[in-house]
PDB file of all heavy atoms in Angstrom:
ATOM      1  N   GLN A   1     116.566  92.485  99.263  1.00  0.00           N
ATOM      2  CA  GLN A   1     117.078  93.160 100.460  1.00  0.00           C
ATOM      3  C   GLN A   1     117.632  92.133 101.436  1.00  0.00           C
ATOM      4  O   GLN A   1     117.668  90.938 101.129  1.00  0.00           O
ATOM      5  CB  GLN A   1     115.952  93.971 101.115  1.00  0.00           C
ATOM      6  CG  GLN A   1     115.399  95.092 100.242  1.00  0.00           C
ATOM      7  CD  GLN A   1     114.278  95.858 100.916  1.00  0.00           C
ATOM      8  OE1 GLN A   1     113.791  95.466 101.988  1.00  0.00           O
ATOM      9  NE2 GLN A   1     113.844  96.957 100.300  1.00  0.00           N
ATOM     10  N   ASN A   2     118.091  92.646 102.563  1.00  0.00           N
ATOM     11  CA  ASN A   2     118.605  91.801 103.647  1.00  0.00           C
ATOM     12  C   ASN A   2     119.863  91.030 103.199  1.00  0.00           C
ATOM     13  O   ASN A   2     119.890  89.800 103.130  1.00  0.00           O
ATOM     14  CB  ASN A   2     117.513  90.846 104.142  1.00  0.00           C
ATOM     15  CG  ASN A   2     117.887  90.215 105.479  1.00  0.00           C
ATOM     16  OD1 ASN A   2     118.753  90.715 106.209  1.00  0.00           O
ATOM     17  ND2 ASN A   2     117.232  89.105 105.798  1.00  0.00           N
ATOM     18  N   PHE A   3     120.920  91.796 102.897  1.00  0.00           N
ATOM     19  CA  PHE A   3     122.212  91.218 102.537  1.00  0.00           C
ATOM     20  C   PHE A   3     123.128  91.208 103.760  1.00  0.00           C
ATOM     21  O   PHE A   3     122.823  91.791 104.818  1.00  0.00           O
ATOM     22  CB  PHE A   3     122.862  92.027 101.410  1.00  0.00           C
ATOM     23  CG  PHE A   3     122.243  91.795 100.060  1.00  0.00           C
ATOM     24  CD1 PHE A   3     121.118  92.509  99.654  1.00  0.00           C
ATOM     25  CD2 PHE A   3     122.775  90.866  99.185  1.00  0.00           C
ATOM     26  CE1 PHE A   3     120.559  92.314  98.414  1.00  0.00           C
ATOM     27  CE2 PHE A   3     122.222  90.662  97.928  1.00  0.00           C
ATOM     28  CZ  PHE A   3     121.109  91.382  97.540  1.00  0.00           C
ATOM     29  N   GLN A   4     124.307  90.580 103.602  1.00  0.00           N
ATOM     30  CA  GLN A   4     125.327  90.569 104.641  1.00  0.00           C
ATOM     31  C   GLN A   4     126.702  90.501 103.969  1.00  0.00           C
ATOM     32  O   GLN A   4     126.838  90.014 102.853  1.00  0.00           O
ATOM     33  CB  GLN A   4     125.137  89.365 105.571  1.00  0.00           C
ATOM     34  CG  GLN A   4     125.330  88.025 104.880  1.00  0.00           C
ATOM     35  CD  GLN A   4     125.166  86.854 105.809  1.00  0.00           C
ATOM     36  OE1 GLN A   4     124.974  87.030 107.015  1.00  0.00           O
ATOM     37  NE2 GLN A   4     125.220  85.637 105.272  1.00  0.00           N
ATOM     38  N   SER A   5     127.712  91.012 104.698  1.00  0.00           N
ATOM     39  CA  SER A   5     129.087  90.934 104.199  1.00  0.00           C
ATOM     40  C   SER A   5     129.651  89.564 104.522  1.00  0.00           C
ATOM     41  O   SER A   5     129.557  89.109 105.670  1.00  0.00           O
ATOM     42  CB  SER A   5     129.950  92.020 104.845  1.00  0.00           C
ATOM     43  OG  SER A   5     129.489  93.306 104.477  1.00  0.00           O
ATOM     44  N   PRO A   6     130.247  88.859 103.575  1.00  0.00           N
ATOM     45  CA  PRO A   6     130.799  87.522 103.851  1.00  0.00           C
ATOM     46  C   PRO A   6     131.932  87.609 104.860  1.00  0.00           C
ATOM     47  O   PRO A   6     132.724  88.556 104.880  1.00  0.00           O
ATOM     48  CB  PRO A   6     131.297  87.045 102.480  1.00  0.00           C
ATOM     49  CG  PRO A   6     130.587  87.909 101.491  1.00  0.00           C
ATOM     50  CD  PRO A   6     130.379  89.223 102.152  1.00  0.00           C
ATOM     51  N   MET A   7     132.029  86.595 105.713  1.00  0.00           N
ATOM     52  CA  MET A   7     133.082  86.539 106.712  1.00  0.00           C
ATOM     53  C   MET A   7     134.321  85.812 106.202  1.00  0.00           C
ATOM     54  O   MET A   7     135.379  85.875 106.828  1.00  0.00           O
ATOM     55  CB  MET A   7     132.556  85.816 107.970  1.00  0.00           C
ATOM     56  CG  MET A   7     131.329  86.495 108.594  1.00  0.00           C
ATOM     57  SD  MET A   7     131.654  88.217 109.047  1.00  0.00           S
ATOM     58  CE  MET A   7     132.901  87.990 110.295  1.00  0.00           C
ATOM     59  N   ALA A   8     134.201  85.134 105.101  1.00  0.00           N
ATOM     60  CA  ALA A   8     135.337  84.380 104.569  1.00  0.00           C
ATOM     61  C   ALA A   8     136.383  85.339 104.001  1.00  0.00           C
ATOM     62  O   ALA A   8     136.093  86.500 103.661  1.00  0.00           O
ATOM     63  CB  ALA A   8     134.869  83.399 103.497  1.00  0.00           C
ATOM     64  N   LYS A   9     137.627  84.832 103.894  1.00  0.00           N
ATOM     65  CA  LYS A   9     138.707  85.640 103.348  1.00  0.00           C
ATOM     66  C   LYS A   9     138.467  85.894 101.863  1.00  0.00           C
ATOM     67  O   LYS A   9     137.986  85.026 101.138  1.00  0.00           O
ATOM     68  CB  LYS A   9     140.047  84.923 103.524  1.00  0.00           C
ATOM     69  CG  LYS A   9     140.498  84.837 104.970  1.00  0.00           C
ATOM     70  CD  LYS A   9     141.873  84.179 105.068  1.00  0.00           C
ATOM     71  CE  LYS A   9     142.341  84.110 106.502  1.00  0.00           C
ATOM     72  NZ  LYS A   9     143.684  83.480 106.626  1.00  0.00           N
ATOM     73  N   GLY A  10     138.823  87.074 101.420  1.00  0.00           N
ATOM     74  CA  GLY A  10     138.622  87.467 100.027  1.00  0.00           C
ATOM     75  C   GLY A  10     137.469  88.421  99.848  1.00  0.00           C
ATOM     76  O   GLY A  10     137.405  89.131  98.841  1.00  0.00           O
ATOM     77  N   ALA A  11     136.541  88.472 100.795  1.00  0.00           N
ATOM     78  CA  ALA A  11     135.440  89.432 100.725  1.00  0.00           C
ATOM     79  C   ALA A  11     135.947  90.816 101.106  1.00  0.00           C
ATOM     80  O   ALA A  11     136.940  90.962 101.832  1.00  0.00           O
ATOM     81  CB  ALA A  11     134.311  88.996 101.643  1.00  0.00           C
ATOM     82  N   PHE A  12     135.264  91.852 100.655  1.00  0.00           N
ATOM     83  CA  PHE A  12     135.726  93.219 100.898  1.00  0.00           C
ATOM     84  C   PHE A  12     134.529  94.161 101.003  1.00  0.00           C
ATOM     85  O   PHE A  12     133.454  93.896 100.459  1.00  0.00           O
ATOM     86  CB  PHE A  12     136.656  93.683  99.774  1.00  0.00           C
ATOM     87  CG  PHE A  12     136.083  93.529  98.391  1.00  0.00           C
ATOM     88  CD1 PHE A  12     135.318  94.542  97.810  1.00  0.00           C
ATOM     89  CD2 PHE A  12     136.275  92.356  97.681  1.00  0.00           C
ATOM     90  CE1 PHE A  12     134.786  94.390  96.551  1.00  0.00           C
ATOM     91  CE2 PHE A  12     135.739  92.201  96.411  1.00  0.00           C
ATOM     92  CZ  PHE A  12     134.990  93.216  95.844  1.00  0.00           C
ATOM     93  N   LEU A  13     134.743  95.252 101.716  1.00  0.00           N
ATOM     94  CA  LEU A  13     133.747  96.303 101.861  1.00  0.00           C
ATOM     95  C   LEU A  13     134.490  97.599 102.143  1.00  0.00           C
ATOM     96  O   LEU A  13     135.015  97.793 103.230  1.00  0.00           O
ATOM     97  CB  LEU A  13     132.754  96.000 102.993  1.00  0.00           C
ATOM     98  CG  LEU A  13     131.699  97.075 103.264  1.00  0.00           C
ATOM     99  CD1 LEU A  13     130.836  97.306 102.017  1.00  0.00           C
ATOM    100  CD2 LEU A  13     130.838  96.681 104.460  1.00  0.00           C
ATOM    101  N   ARG A  14     134.569  98.450 101.140  1.00  0.00           N
ATOM    102  CA  ARG A  14     135.275  99.720 101.268  1.00  0.00           C
ATOM    103  C   ARG A  14     134.286 100.860 101.031  1.00  0.00           C
ATOM    104  O   ARG A  14     133.459 100.796 100.130  1.00  0.00           O
ATOM    105  CB  ARG A  14     136.426  99.824 100.260  1.00  0.00           C
ATOM    106  CG  ARG A  14     137.592  98.913 100.579  1.00  0.00           C
ATOM    107  CD  ARG A  14     138.773  99.212  99.665  1.00  0.00           C
ATOM    108  NE  ARG A  14     139.903  98.346  99.969  1.00  0.00           N
ATOM    109  CZ  ARG A  14     141.055  98.377  99.319  1.00  0.00           C
ATOM    110  NH1 ARG A  14     141.223  99.234  98.326  1.00  0.00           N
ATOM    111  NH2 ARG A  14     142.039  97.571  99.658  1.00  0.00           N
ATOM    112  N   GLY A  15     134.448 101.882 101.829  1.00  0.00           N
ATOM    113  CA  GLY A  15     133.551 103.019 101.700  1.00  0.00           C
ATOM    114  C   GLY A  15     132.285 102.818 102.517  1.00  0.00           C
ATOM    115  O   GLY A  15     132.076 101.791 103.168  1.00  0.00           O
ATOM    116  N   SER A  16     131.442 103.806 102.441  1.00  0.00           N
ATOM    117  CA  SER A  16     130.192 103.785 103.229  1.00  0.00           C
ATOM    118  C   SER A  16     128.958 103.844 102.350  1.00  0.00           C
ATOM    119  O   SER A  16     127.891 104.216 102.792  1.00  0.00           O
ATOM    120  CB  SER A  16     130.187 104.984 104.189  1.00  0.00           C
ATOM    121  OG  SER A  16     130.293 106.204 103.456  1.00  0.00           O
ATOM    122  N   GLY A  17     129.109 103.449 101.080  1.00  0.00           N
ATOM    123  CA  GLY A  17     127.976 103.575 100.169  1.00  0.00           C
ATOM    124  C   GLY A  17     126.970 102.451 100.266  1.00  0.00           C
ATOM    125  O   GLY A  17     125.810 102.625  99.876  1.00  0.00           O
ATOM    126  N   LEU A  18     127.337 101.284 100.813  1.00  0.00           N
ATOM    127  CA  LEU A  18     126.440 100.130 100.813  1.00  0.00           C
ATOM    128  C   LEU A  18     125.640 100.065 102.117  1.00  0.00           C
ATOM    129  O   LEU A  18     126.182 100.218 103.198  1.00  0.00           O
ATOM    130  CB  LEU A  18     127.252  98.836 100.648  1.00  0.00           C
ATOM    131  CG  LEU A  18     126.446  97.545 100.691  1.00  0.00           C
ATOM    132  CD1 LEU A  18     125.502  97.448  99.497  1.00  0.00           C
ATOM    133  CD2 LEU A  18     127.379  96.337 100.746  1.00  0.00           C
ATOM    134  N   ASN A  19     124.334  99.800 101.954  1.00  0.00           N
ATOM    135  CA  ASN A  19     123.448  99.514 103.082  1.00  0.00           C
ATOM    136  C   ASN A  19     123.018  98.057 102.937  1.00  0.00           C
ATOM    137  O   ASN A  19     122.191  97.719 102.079  1.00  0.00           O
ATOM    138  CB  ASN A  19     122.237 100.441 103.063  1.00  0.00           C
ATOM    139  CG  ASN A  19     121.366 100.309 104.298  1.00  0.00           C
ATOM    140  OD1 ASN A  19     121.385  99.290 104.983  1.00  0.00           O
ATOM    141  ND2 ASN A  19     120.586 101.330 104.593  1.00  0.00           N
ATOM    142  N   VAL A  20     123.575  97.184 103.779  1.00  0.00           N
ATOM    143  CA  VAL A  20     123.303  95.754 103.626  1.00  0.00           C
ATOM    144  C   VAL A  20     121.859  95.417 103.969  1.00  0.00           C
ATOM    145  O   VAL A  20     121.301  94.430 103.449  1.00  0.00           O
ATOM    146  CB  VAL A  20     124.280  94.946 104.508  1.00  0.00           C
ATOM    147  CG1 VAL A  20     125.691  95.066 103.990  1.00  0.00           C
ATOM    148  CG2 VAL A  20     124.180  95.362 105.961  1.00  0.00           C
ATOM    149  N   ALA A  21     121.212  96.197 104.806  1.00  0.00           N
ATOM    150  CA  ALA A  21     119.816  95.899 105.185  1.00  0.00           C
ATOM    151  C   ALA A  21     118.883  96.132 104.005  1.00  0.00           C
ATOM    152  O   ALA A  21     118.001  95.309 103.723  1.00  0.00           O
ATOM    153  CB  ALA A  21     119.411  96.756 106.368  1.00  0.00           C
ATOM    154  N   THR A  22     119.049  97.232 103.315  1.00  0.00           N
ATOM    155  CA  THR A  22     118.183  97.540 102.170  1.00  0.00           C
ATOM    156  C   THR A  22     118.722  96.974 100.864  1.00  0.00           C
ATOM    157  O   THR A  22     117.988  96.911  99.871  1.00  0.00           O
ATOM    158  CB  THR A  22     118.010  99.051 102.040  1.00  0.00           C
ATOM    159  OG1 THR A  22     119.289  99.657 101.817  1.00  0.00           O
ATOM    160  CG2 THR A  22     117.386  99.639 103.298  1.00  0.00           C
ATOM    161  N   GLY A  23     120.010  96.598 100.843  1.00  0.00           N
ATOM    162  CA  GLY A  23     120.604  96.080  99.612  1.00  0.00           C
ATOM    163  C   GLY A  23     120.872  97.163  98.591  1.00  0.00           C
ATOM    164  O   GLY A  23     121.046  96.847  97.396  1.00  0.00           O
ATOM    165  N   ARG A  24     120.933  98.411  99.025  1.00  0.00           N
ATOM    166  CA  ARG A  24     121.130  99.531  98.099  1.00  0.00           C
ATOM    167  C   ARG A  24     122.545 100.118  98.279  1.00  0.00           C
ATOM    168  O   ARG A  24     123.014 100.268  99.407  1.00  0.00           O
ATOM    169  CB  ARG A  24     120.104 100.623  98.337  1.00  0.00           C
ATOM    170  CG  ARG A  24     118.673 100.188  98.023  1.00  0.00           C
ATOM    171  CD  ARG A  24     117.684 101.302  98.289  1.00  0.00           C
ATOM    172  NE  ARG A  24     116.325 100.914  97.913  1.00  0.00           N
ATOM    173  CZ  ARG A  24     115.253 101.710  98.037  1.00  0.00           C
ATOM    174  NH1 ARG A  24     115.405 102.938  98.563  1.00  0.00           N
ATOM    175  NH2 ARG A  24     114.065 101.289  97.664  1.00  0.00           N
ATOM    176  N   PHE A  25     123.160 100.459  97.154  1.00  0.00           N
ATOM    177  CA  PHE A  25     124.456 101.122  97.172  1.00  0.00           C
ATOM    178  C   PHE A  25     124.250 102.549  96.693  1.00  0.00           C
ATOM    179  O   PHE A  25     123.782 102.785  95.572  1.00  0.00           O
ATOM    180  CB  PHE A  25     125.470 100.408  96.267  1.00  0.00           C
ATOM    181  CG  PHE A  25     126.758 101.156  96.103  1.00  0.00           C
ATOM    182  CD1 PHE A  25     127.718 101.157  97.116  1.00  0.00           C
ATOM    183  CD2 PHE A  25     127.014 101.884  94.943  1.00  0.00           C
ATOM    184  CE1 PHE A  25     128.897 101.863  96.963  1.00  0.00           C
ATOM    185  CE2 PHE A  25     128.191 102.579  94.789  1.00  0.00           C
ATOM    186  CZ  PHE A  25     129.148 102.584  95.810  1.00  0.00           C
ATOM    187  N   THR A  26     124.623 103.521  97.526  1.00  0.00           N
ATOM    188  CA  THR A  26     124.490 104.941  97.204  1.00  0.00           C
ATOM    189  C   THR A  26     125.859 105.483  96.809  1.00  0.00           C
ATOM    190  O   THR A  26     126.838 105.319  97.556  1.00  0.00           O
ATOM    191  CB  THR A  26     123.957 105.724  98.409  1.00  0.00           C
ATOM    192  OG1 THR A  26     122.708 105.137  98.814  1.00  0.00           O
ATOM    193  CG2 THR A  26     123.748 107.177  98.058  1.00  0.00           C
ATOM    194  N   ALA A  27     125.913 106.143  95.657  1.00  0.00           N
ATOM    195  CA  ALA A  27     127.188 106.652  95.144  1.00  0.00           C
ATOM    196  C   ALA A  27     127.627 107.850  95.971  1.00  0.00           C
ATOM    197  O   ALA A  27     126.909 108.858  96.017  1.00  0.00           O
ATOM    198  CB  ALA A  27     127.046 107.028  93.684  1.00  0.00           C
ATOM    199  N   PRO A  28     128.813 107.801  96.621  1.00  0.00           N
ATOM    200  CA  PRO A  28     129.283 108.963  97.367  1.00  0.00           C
ATOM    201  C   PRO A  28     129.742 110.088  96.447  1.00  0.00           C
ATOM    202  O   PRO A  28     129.649 111.262  96.797  1.00  0.00           O
ATOM    203  CB  PRO A  28     130.434 108.407  98.208  1.00  0.00           C
ATOM    204  CG  PRO A  28     130.912 107.221  97.444  1.00  0.00           C
ATOM    205  CD  PRO A  28     129.733 106.661  96.744  1.00  0.00           C
ATOM    206  N   VAL A  29     130.259 109.726  95.280  1.00  0.00           N
ATOM    207  CA  VAL A  29     130.713 110.720  94.291  1.00  0.00           C
ATOM    208  C   VAL A  29     130.205 110.281  92.928  1.00  0.00           C
ATOM    209  O   VAL A  29     129.912 109.099  92.695  1.00  0.00           O
ATOM    210  CB  VAL A  29     132.254 110.832  94.277  1.00  0.00           C
ATOM    211  CG1 VAL A  29     132.785 111.411  95.585  1.00  0.00           C
ATOM    212  CG2 VAL A  29     132.899 109.481  93.985  1.00  0.00           C
ATOM    213  N   GLY A  30     130.078 111.245  92.056  1.00  0.00           N
ATOM    214  CA  GLY A  30     129.672 110.905  90.702  1.00  0.00           C
ATOM    215  C   GLY A  30     130.804 110.235  89.943  1.00  0.00           C
ATOM    216  O   GLY A  30     131.981 110.564  90.113  1.00  0.00           O
ATOM    217  N   GLY A  31     130.464 109.264  89.092  1.00  0.00           N
ATOM    218  CA  GLY A  31     131.485 108.577  88.318  1.00  0.00           C
ATOM    219  C   GLY A  31     130.948 107.335  87.647  1.00  0.00           C
ATOM    220  O   GLY A  31     129.735 107.084  87.624  1.00  0.00           O
ATOM    221  N   ILE A  32     131.865 106.555  87.071  1.00  0.00           N
ATOM    222  CA  ILE A  32     131.525 105.304  86.404  1.00  0.00           C
ATOM    223  C   ILE A  32     131.701 104.176  87.414  1.00  0.00           C
ATOM    224  O   ILE A  32     132.770 104.014  88.006  1.00  0.00           O
ATOM    225  CB  ILE A  32     132.415 105.072  85.171  1.00  0.00           C
ATOM    226  CG1 ILE A  32     132.316 106.268  84.212  1.00  0.00           C
ATOM    227  CG2 ILE A  32     132.034 103.782  84.473  1.00  0.00           C
ATOM    228  CD1 ILE A  32     130.947 106.478  83.629  1.00  0.00           C
ATOM    229  N   TYR A  33     130.650 103.376  87.578  1.00  0.00           N
ATOM    230  CA  TYR A  33     130.674 102.266  88.525  1.00  0.00           C
ATOM    231  C   TYR A  33     130.450 100.957  87.772  1.00  0.00           C
ATOM    232  O   TYR A  33     129.717 100.900  86.776  1.00  0.00           O
ATOM    233  CB  TYR A  33     129.592 102.429  89.597  1.00  0.00           C
ATOM    234  CG  TYR A  33     129.864 103.537  90.573  1.00  0.00           C
ATOM    235  CD1 TYR A  33     129.568 104.858  90.253  1.00  0.00           C
ATOM    236  CD2 TYR A  33     130.403 103.265  91.827  1.00  0.00           C
ATOM    237  CE1 TYR A  33     129.810 105.888  91.143  1.00  0.00           C
ATOM    238  CE2 TYR A  33     130.648 104.291  92.734  1.00  0.00           C
ATOM    239  CZ  TYR A  33     130.359 105.602  92.384  1.00  0.00           C
ATOM    240  OH  TYR A  33     130.598 106.612  93.285  1.00  0.00           O
ATOM    241  N   GLN A  34     131.091  99.914  88.285  1.00  0.00           N
ATOM    242  CA  GLN A  34     130.908  98.579  87.728  1.00  0.00           C
ATOM    243  C   GLN A  34     130.122  97.744  88.734  1.00  0.00           C
ATOM    244  O   GLN A  34     130.465  97.689  89.911  1.00  0.00           O
ATOM    245  CB  GLN A  34     132.268  97.928  87.458  1.00  0.00           C
ATOM    246  CG  GLN A  34     132.184  96.474  87.013  1.00  0.00           C
ATOM    247  CD  GLN A  34     133.556  95.872  86.765  1.00  0.00           C
ATOM    248  OE1 GLN A  34     134.380  96.464  86.088  1.00  0.00           O
ATOM    249  NE2 GLN A  34     133.792  94.700  87.344  1.00  0.00           N
ATOM    250  N   PHE A  35     129.044  97.077  88.230  1.00  0.00           N
ATOM    251  CA  PHE A  35     128.196  96.256  89.084  1.00  0.00           C
ATOM    252  C   PHE A  35     128.041  94.865  88.473  1.00  0.00           C
ATOM    253  O   PHE A  35     128.087  94.704  87.238  1.00  0.00           O
ATOM    254  CB  PHE A  35     126.804  96.885  89.254  1.00  0.00           C
ATOM    255  CG  PHE A  35     126.819  98.213  89.946  1.00  0.00           C
ATOM    256  CD1 PHE A  35     126.725  99.388  89.215  1.00  0.00           C
ATOM    257  CD2 PHE A  35     126.925  98.300  91.329  1.00  0.00           C
ATOM    258  CE1 PHE A  35     126.740 100.621  89.843  1.00  0.00           C
ATOM    259  CE2 PHE A  35     126.939  99.522  91.965  1.00  0.00           C
ATOM    260  CZ  PHE A  35     126.849 100.691  91.221  1.00  0.00           C
TER     261      PHE A  35
END
């Protein structure tokens, strides 16, 4: 747990599925995900 989004160029965060405090990604829609 206890993640953060990188400030350097090239990092990305799209959508609202990630909770950086818990380190959990919740799927907004059903589908195939790559991790």
